[in-house]
Structure formats: structure tokens, C-alpha cells
């Protein structure tokens, strides 16, 4: 099990993750798409990665806006895994925008 990050470690990690915000025990980011199905395709990629890593975000699809919320329940807060996955989610988004 990963160790829970301190508030200063979270702040430091978030400094390298543009758009991600701390919300209690979660980090949250909203991704905007030009088309509904582009957002759904993004969510499908996130879902596959989440299954592979056995670490699942909360996902909301509001038409062309996708919101991801991450935390590590077993650790009781945020861990390095949350921060690493947030970075990968951003990379998937940037890649998907090329096709958007």
C-alpha cells in the first residue's frame, strides 16, 4: 500500500500538474472536449488504464466536459500513485486533442 502524502508533498506535486486542484482528500481536474464522443473516448482510455493499475478515479461526463477525481482510499488520502496517474491522464488528454 502506498503512503499518504503530506500537505506540503501534495502542494509540491500539484505545482507540476497544471489544472489539478486539491478538494479535501481528492485532486480534481476538468477536461473540455469539442465533441461529446471525444470525451467518451478519453474516458474509455482512462478506464482501461485504471483497470490495468487497479486504481479508479471518480468520472463524471457532463456533455463535453469530463471531470476526474482521484484519491487513495486504502491510504486515507492522496499518494504518489494519484499524482502519477494525474500526469498520465493529462498526457492522454493532450494526445486525444490531436484527433479532436
N, C-alpha and C. Protein backbone atom coordinates (compact mmCIF):
# COMPACT_ATOMS: atom_id res chain seq x y z
N UNK A 1 0.84 -1.18 0.00
CA UNK A 1 0.00 0.00 0.00
C UNK A 1 0.88 1.24 0.00
N UNK A 2 0.49 2.24 -0.78
CA UNK A 2 1.24 3.48 -0.88
C UNK A 2 1.01 4.34 0.37
N UNK A 3 2.00 5.16 0.67
CA UNK A 3 1.89 6.05 1.82
C UNK A 3 1.16 7.33 1.47
N UNK A 4 0.35 7.79 2.40
CA UNK A 4 -0.38 9.04 2.25
C UNK A 4 0.61 10.20 2.21
N UNK A 5 0.40 11.12 1.26
CA UNK A 5 1.27 12.28 1.13
C UNK A 5 0.88 13.35 2.15
N UNK A 6 1.88 14.12 2.60
CA UNK A 6 1.62 15.26 3.47
C UNK A 6 1.09 16.41 2.63
N UNK A 7 0.53 17.42 3.27
CA UNK A 7 0.00 18.58 2.55
C UNK A 7 1.10 19.27 1.74
N UNK A 8 2.31 19.37 2.30
CA UNK A 8 3.40 20.01 1.55
C UNK A 8 3.81 19.15 0.35
N UNK A 9 3.80 17.83 0.49
CA UNK A 9 4.10 16.95 -0.64
C UNK A 9 3.03 17.07 -1.72
N UNK A 10 1.78 17.20 -1.30
CA UNK A 10 0.68 17.37 -2.26
C UNK A 10 0.84 18.68 -3.01
N UNK A 11 1.11 19.76 -2.28
CA UNK A 11 1.31 21.07 -2.90
C UNK A 11 2.46 21.03 -3.92
N UNK A 12 3.53 20.37 -3.55
CA UNK A 12 4.69 20.25 -4.44
C UNK A 12 4.33 19.47 -5.70
N UNK A 13 3.61 18.37 -5.54
CA UNK A 13 3.20 17.56 -6.69
C UNK A 13 2.24 18.33 -7.59
N UNK A 14 1.30 19.04 -6.99
CA UNK A 14 0.32 19.79 -7.78
C UNK A 14 0.97 20.94 -8.56
N UNK A 15 2.09 21.44 -8.09
CA UNK A 15 2.80 22.51 -8.80
C UNK A 15 3.22 22.04 -10.20
N UNK A 16 3.42 20.73 -10.36
CA UNK A 16 3.79 20.17 -11.66
C UNK A 16 2.63 19.58 -12.43
N UNK A 17 1.41 19.80 -11.95
CA UNK A 17 0.21 19.25 -12.59
C UNK A 17 -0.78 20.38 -12.86
N UNK A 18 -0.58 21.13 -13.94
CA UNK A 18 -1.46 22.28 -14.22
C UNK A 18 -2.93 21.88 -14.32
N UNK A 19 -3.77 22.67 -13.65
CA UNK A 19 -5.21 22.44 -13.73
C UNK A 19 -5.76 21.52 -12.65
N UNK A 20 -4.91 20.74 -12.00
CA UNK A 20 -5.36 19.87 -10.91
C UNK A 20 -5.48 20.70 -9.64
N UNK A 21 -6.58 20.48 -8.90
CA UNK A 21 -6.86 21.23 -7.68
C UNK A 21 -7.12 20.26 -6.53
N UNK A 22 -6.70 20.66 -5.35
CA UNK A 22 -6.97 19.88 -4.15
C UNK A 22 -8.39 20.17 -3.69
N UNK A 23 -9.14 19.10 -3.40
CA UNK A 23 -10.52 19.24 -2.90
C UNK A 23 -10.70 18.20 -1.80
N UNK A 24 -10.35 18.56 -0.57
CA UNK A 24 -10.42 17.60 0.53
C UNK A 24 -9.38 16.51 0.36
N UNK A 25 -9.85 15.26 0.30
CA UNK A 25 -8.95 14.12 0.11
C UNK A 25 -8.75 13.78 -1.37
N UNK A 26 -9.28 14.62 -2.25
CA UNK A 26 -9.21 14.37 -3.69
C UNK A 26 -8.34 15.41 -4.39
N UNK A 27 -7.84 15.03 -5.56
CA UNK A 27 -7.41 16.01 -6.55
C UNK A 27 -8.40 15.91 -7.70
N UNK A 28 -8.71 17.06 -8.30
CA UNK A 28 -9.78 17.15 -9.29
C UNK A 28 -9.31 17.96 -10.48
N UNK A 29 -9.71 17.51 -11.69
CA UNK A 29 -9.45 18.28 -12.90
C UNK A 29 -10.61 18.09 -13.87
N UNK A 30 -10.92 19.17 -14.59
CA UNK A 30 -11.95 19.15 -15.63
C UNK A 30 -11.27 19.24 -16.99
N UNK A 31 -11.71 18.39 -17.91
CA UNK A 31 -11.19 18.36 -19.29
C UNK A 31 -12.33 18.70 -20.23
N UNK A 32 -12.10 19.63 -21.13
CA UNK A 32 -13.14 20.05 -22.08
C UNK A 32 -12.82 19.48 -23.47
N UNK A 33 -13.86 19.03 -24.16
CA UNK A 33 -13.73 18.45 -25.50
C UNK A 33 -14.62 19.19 -26.49
N UNK A 34 -14.25 19.13 -27.74
CA UNK A 34 -15.05 19.77 -28.79
C UNK A 34 -16.32 18.99 -29.10
N UNK A 35 -16.25 17.68 -28.90
CA UNK A 35 -17.39 16.81 -29.20
C UNK A 35 -17.62 15.83 -28.05
N UNK A 36 -18.86 15.51 -27.82
CA UNK A 36 -19.24 14.57 -26.77
C UNK A 36 -18.49 13.25 -26.88
N UNK A 37 -18.46 12.67 -28.09
CA UNK A 37 -17.83 11.36 -28.26
C UNK A 37 -16.32 11.40 -28.05
N UNK A 38 -15.68 12.55 -28.23
CA UNK A 38 -14.25 12.67 -27.92
C UNK A 38 -14.03 12.52 -26.41
N UNK A 39 -14.92 13.11 -25.63
CA UNK A 39 -14.84 12.96 -24.18
C UNK A 39 -15.07 11.53 -23.75
N UNK A 40 -16.01 10.87 -24.38
CA UNK A 40 -16.29 9.47 -24.07
C UNK A 40 -15.09 8.59 -24.43
N UNK A 41 -14.44 8.85 -25.56
CA UNK A 41 -13.25 8.08 -25.96
C UNK A 41 -12.13 8.28 -24.92
N UNK A 42 -11.96 9.51 -24.44
CA UNK A 42 -10.99 9.82 -23.40
C UNK A 42 -11.29 9.01 -22.14
N UNK A 43 -12.55 8.99 -21.74
CA UNK A 43 -12.96 8.24 -20.55
C UNK A 43 -12.67 6.75 -20.74
N UNK A 44 -12.89 6.22 -21.94
CA UNK A 44 -12.60 4.81 -22.19
C UNK A 44 -11.11 4.51 -22.00
N UNK A 45 -10.24 5.41 -22.45
CA UNK A 45 -8.80 5.22 -22.25
C UNK A 45 -8.45 5.27 -20.77
N UNK A 46 -9.05 6.22 -20.06
CA UNK A 46 -8.82 6.34 -18.62
C UNK A 46 -9.28 5.06 -17.91
N UNK A 47 -10.43 4.54 -18.33
CA UNK A 47 -10.98 3.33 -17.71
C UNK A 47 -10.06 2.13 -17.91
N UNK A 48 -9.52 1.98 -19.12
CA UNK A 48 -8.60 0.86 -19.38
C UNK A 48 -7.34 0.97 -18.54
N UNK A 49 -6.76 2.17 -18.46
CA UNK A 49 -5.57 2.38 -17.64
C UNK A 49 -5.89 2.12 -16.17
N UNK A 50 -7.03 2.57 -15.72
CA UNK A 50 -7.43 2.40 -14.32
C UNK A 50 -7.56 0.93 -13.96
N UNK A 51 -8.12 0.14 -14.85
CA UNK A 51 -8.22 -1.30 -14.62
C UNK A 51 -6.83 -1.93 -14.54
N UNK A 52 -5.96 -1.53 -15.47
CA UNK A 52 -4.59 -2.05 -15.50
C UNK A 52 -3.85 -1.74 -14.20
N UNK A 53 -4.03 -0.54 -13.68
CA UNK A 53 -3.34 -0.10 -12.45
C UNK A 53 -4.11 -0.45 -11.18
N UNK A 54 -5.35 -0.93 -11.34
CA UNK A 54 -6.24 -1.22 -10.22
C UNK A 54 -6.38 0.00 -9.31
N UNK A 55 -6.57 1.15 -9.94
CA UNK A 55 -6.75 2.41 -9.22
C UNK A 55 -7.73 3.25 -10.04
N UNK A 56 -8.91 3.48 -9.49
CA UNK A 56 -10.02 4.00 -10.28
C UNK A 56 -10.45 5.39 -9.83
N UNK A 57 -10.49 6.35 -10.75
CA UNK A 57 -10.96 7.69 -10.40
C UNK A 57 -12.49 7.74 -10.42
N UNK A 58 -13.02 8.77 -9.79
CA UNK A 58 -14.42 9.11 -10.00
C UNK A 58 -14.47 9.88 -11.32
N UNK A 59 -15.41 9.51 -12.17
CA UNK A 59 -15.50 10.12 -13.50
C UNK A 59 -16.92 10.65 -13.70
N UNK A 60 -17.00 11.91 -14.13
CA UNK A 60 -18.30 12.49 -14.48
C UNK A 60 -18.20 13.01 -15.91
N UNK A 61 -19.18 12.66 -16.73
CA UNK A 61 -19.26 13.17 -18.10
C UNK A 61 -20.48 14.09 -18.16
N UNK A 62 -20.23 15.35 -18.36
CA UNK A 62 -21.30 16.35 -18.49
C UNK A 62 -21.20 16.94 -19.89
N UNK A 63 -21.84 16.25 -20.82
CA UNK A 63 -21.80 16.61 -22.24
C UNK A 63 -20.36 16.64 -22.73
N UNK A 64 -19.75 17.80 -22.94
CA UNK A 64 -18.39 17.87 -23.47
C UNK A 64 -17.35 18.15 -22.39
N UNK A 65 -17.74 18.00 -21.14
CA UNK A 65 -16.84 18.25 -20.01
C UNK A 65 -16.70 16.97 -19.19
N UNK A 66 -15.45 16.52 -19.02
CA UNK A 66 -15.17 15.32 -18.23
C UNK A 66 -14.43 15.77 -16.97
N UNK A 67 -14.93 15.34 -15.81
CA UNK A 67 -14.29 15.65 -14.54
C UNK A 67 -13.74 14.37 -13.94
N UNK A 68 -12.46 14.40 -13.54
CA UNK A 68 -11.81 13.27 -12.87
C UNK A 68 -11.48 13.67 -11.45
N UNK A 69 -11.75 12.75 -10.51
CA UNK A 69 -11.41 12.96 -9.09
C UNK A 69 -10.63 11.73 -8.63
N UNK A 70 -9.48 11.98 -8.02
CA UNK A 70 -8.61 10.89 -7.58
C UNK A 70 -8.34 10.97 -6.08
N UNK A 71 -8.28 9.82 -5.45
CA UNK A 71 -7.80 9.66 -4.08
C UNK A 71 -7.43 8.19 -3.90
N UNK A 72 -6.74 7.89 -2.81
CA UNK A 72 -6.39 6.50 -2.49
C UNK A 72 -7.09 6.12 -1.20
N UNK A 73 -8.18 5.39 -1.32
CA UNK A 73 -8.98 5.03 -0.14
C UNK A 73 -8.17 4.25 0.87
N UNK A 74 -7.36 3.30 0.41
CA UNK A 74 -6.59 2.47 1.34
C UNK A 74 -5.62 3.28 2.18
N UNK A 75 -5.09 4.37 1.62
CA UNK A 75 -4.13 5.21 2.33
C UNK A 75 -4.83 6.32 3.12
N UNK A 76 -6.11 6.52 2.87
CA UNK A 76 -6.83 7.57 3.57
C UNK A 76 -6.54 8.97 3.05
N UNK A 77 -6.14 9.05 1.80
CA UNK A 77 -5.82 10.35 1.19
C UNK A 77 -5.05 10.17 -0.10
N UNK A 78 -4.28 11.16 -0.45
CA UNK A 78 -3.56 11.15 -1.72
C UNK A 78 -2.18 10.50 -1.59
N UNK A 79 -1.78 9.81 -2.66
CA UNK A 79 -0.48 9.12 -2.68
C UNK A 79 0.26 9.46 -3.97
N UNK A 80 1.49 8.97 -4.06
CA UNK A 80 2.27 9.15 -5.29
C UNK A 80 1.55 8.56 -6.50
N UNK A 81 0.81 7.47 -6.31
CA UNK A 81 0.08 6.85 -7.41
C UNK A 81 -0.96 7.81 -7.98
N UNK A 82 -1.66 8.53 -7.13
CA UNK A 82 -2.64 9.50 -7.61
C UNK A 82 -1.95 10.56 -8.48
N UNK A 83 -0.82 11.05 -8.01
CA UNK A 83 -0.10 12.10 -8.74
C UNK A 83 0.44 11.57 -10.07
N UNK A 84 0.96 10.35 -10.05
CA UNK A 84 1.50 9.75 -11.27
C UNK A 84 0.38 9.54 -12.30
N UNK A 85 -0.77 9.07 -11.85
CA UNK A 85 -1.89 8.84 -12.77
C UNK A 85 -2.44 10.16 -13.30
N UNK A 86 -2.47 11.20 -12.48
CA UNK A 86 -2.93 12.51 -12.94
C UNK A 86 -2.06 12.97 -14.11
N UNK A 87 -0.77 12.75 -14.02
CA UNK A 87 0.16 13.14 -15.10
C UNK A 87 -0.14 12.33 -16.37
N UNK A 88 -0.39 11.04 -16.21
CA UNK A 88 -0.70 10.19 -17.37
C UNK A 88 -2.04 10.60 -17.98
N UNK A 89 -3.03 10.93 -17.15
CA UNK A 89 -4.33 11.38 -17.66
C UNK A 89 -4.15 12.63 -18.52
N UNK A 90 -3.30 13.56 -18.04
CA UNK A 90 -3.03 14.77 -18.82
C UNK A 90 -2.38 14.43 -20.17
N UNK A 91 -1.47 13.46 -20.16
CA UNK A 91 -0.81 13.03 -21.41
C UNK A 91 -1.82 12.41 -22.37
N UNK A 92 -2.74 11.61 -21.85
CA UNK A 92 -3.78 11.01 -22.69
C UNK A 92 -4.65 12.11 -23.28
N UNK A 93 -4.99 13.11 -22.49
CA UNK A 93 -5.81 14.23 -22.96
C UNK A 93 -5.09 14.98 -24.08
N UNK A 94 -3.83 15.30 -23.87
CA UNK A 94 -3.08 16.03 -24.89
C UNK A 94 -3.01 15.23 -26.20
N UNK A 95 -2.80 13.94 -26.08
CA UNK A 95 -2.75 13.06 -27.27
C UNK A 95 -4.11 13.03 -27.95
N UNK A 96 -5.18 12.98 -27.17
CA UNK A 96 -6.52 12.88 -27.75
C UNK A 96 -6.92 14.16 -28.47
N UNK A 97 -6.41 15.29 -28.04
CA UNK A 97 -6.76 16.57 -28.65
C UNK A 97 -6.22 16.68 -30.08
N UNK A 98 -5.19 15.94 -30.39
CA UNK A 98 -4.65 15.93 -31.76
C UNK A 98 -5.73 15.41 -32.72
N UNK A 99 -6.54 14.48 -32.26
CA UNK A 99 -7.57 13.87 -33.09
C UNK A 99 -8.91 14.57 -32.96
N UNK A 100 -8.97 15.57 -32.13
CA UNK A 100 -10.24 16.24 -31.82
C UNK A 100 -10.56 17.34 -32.81
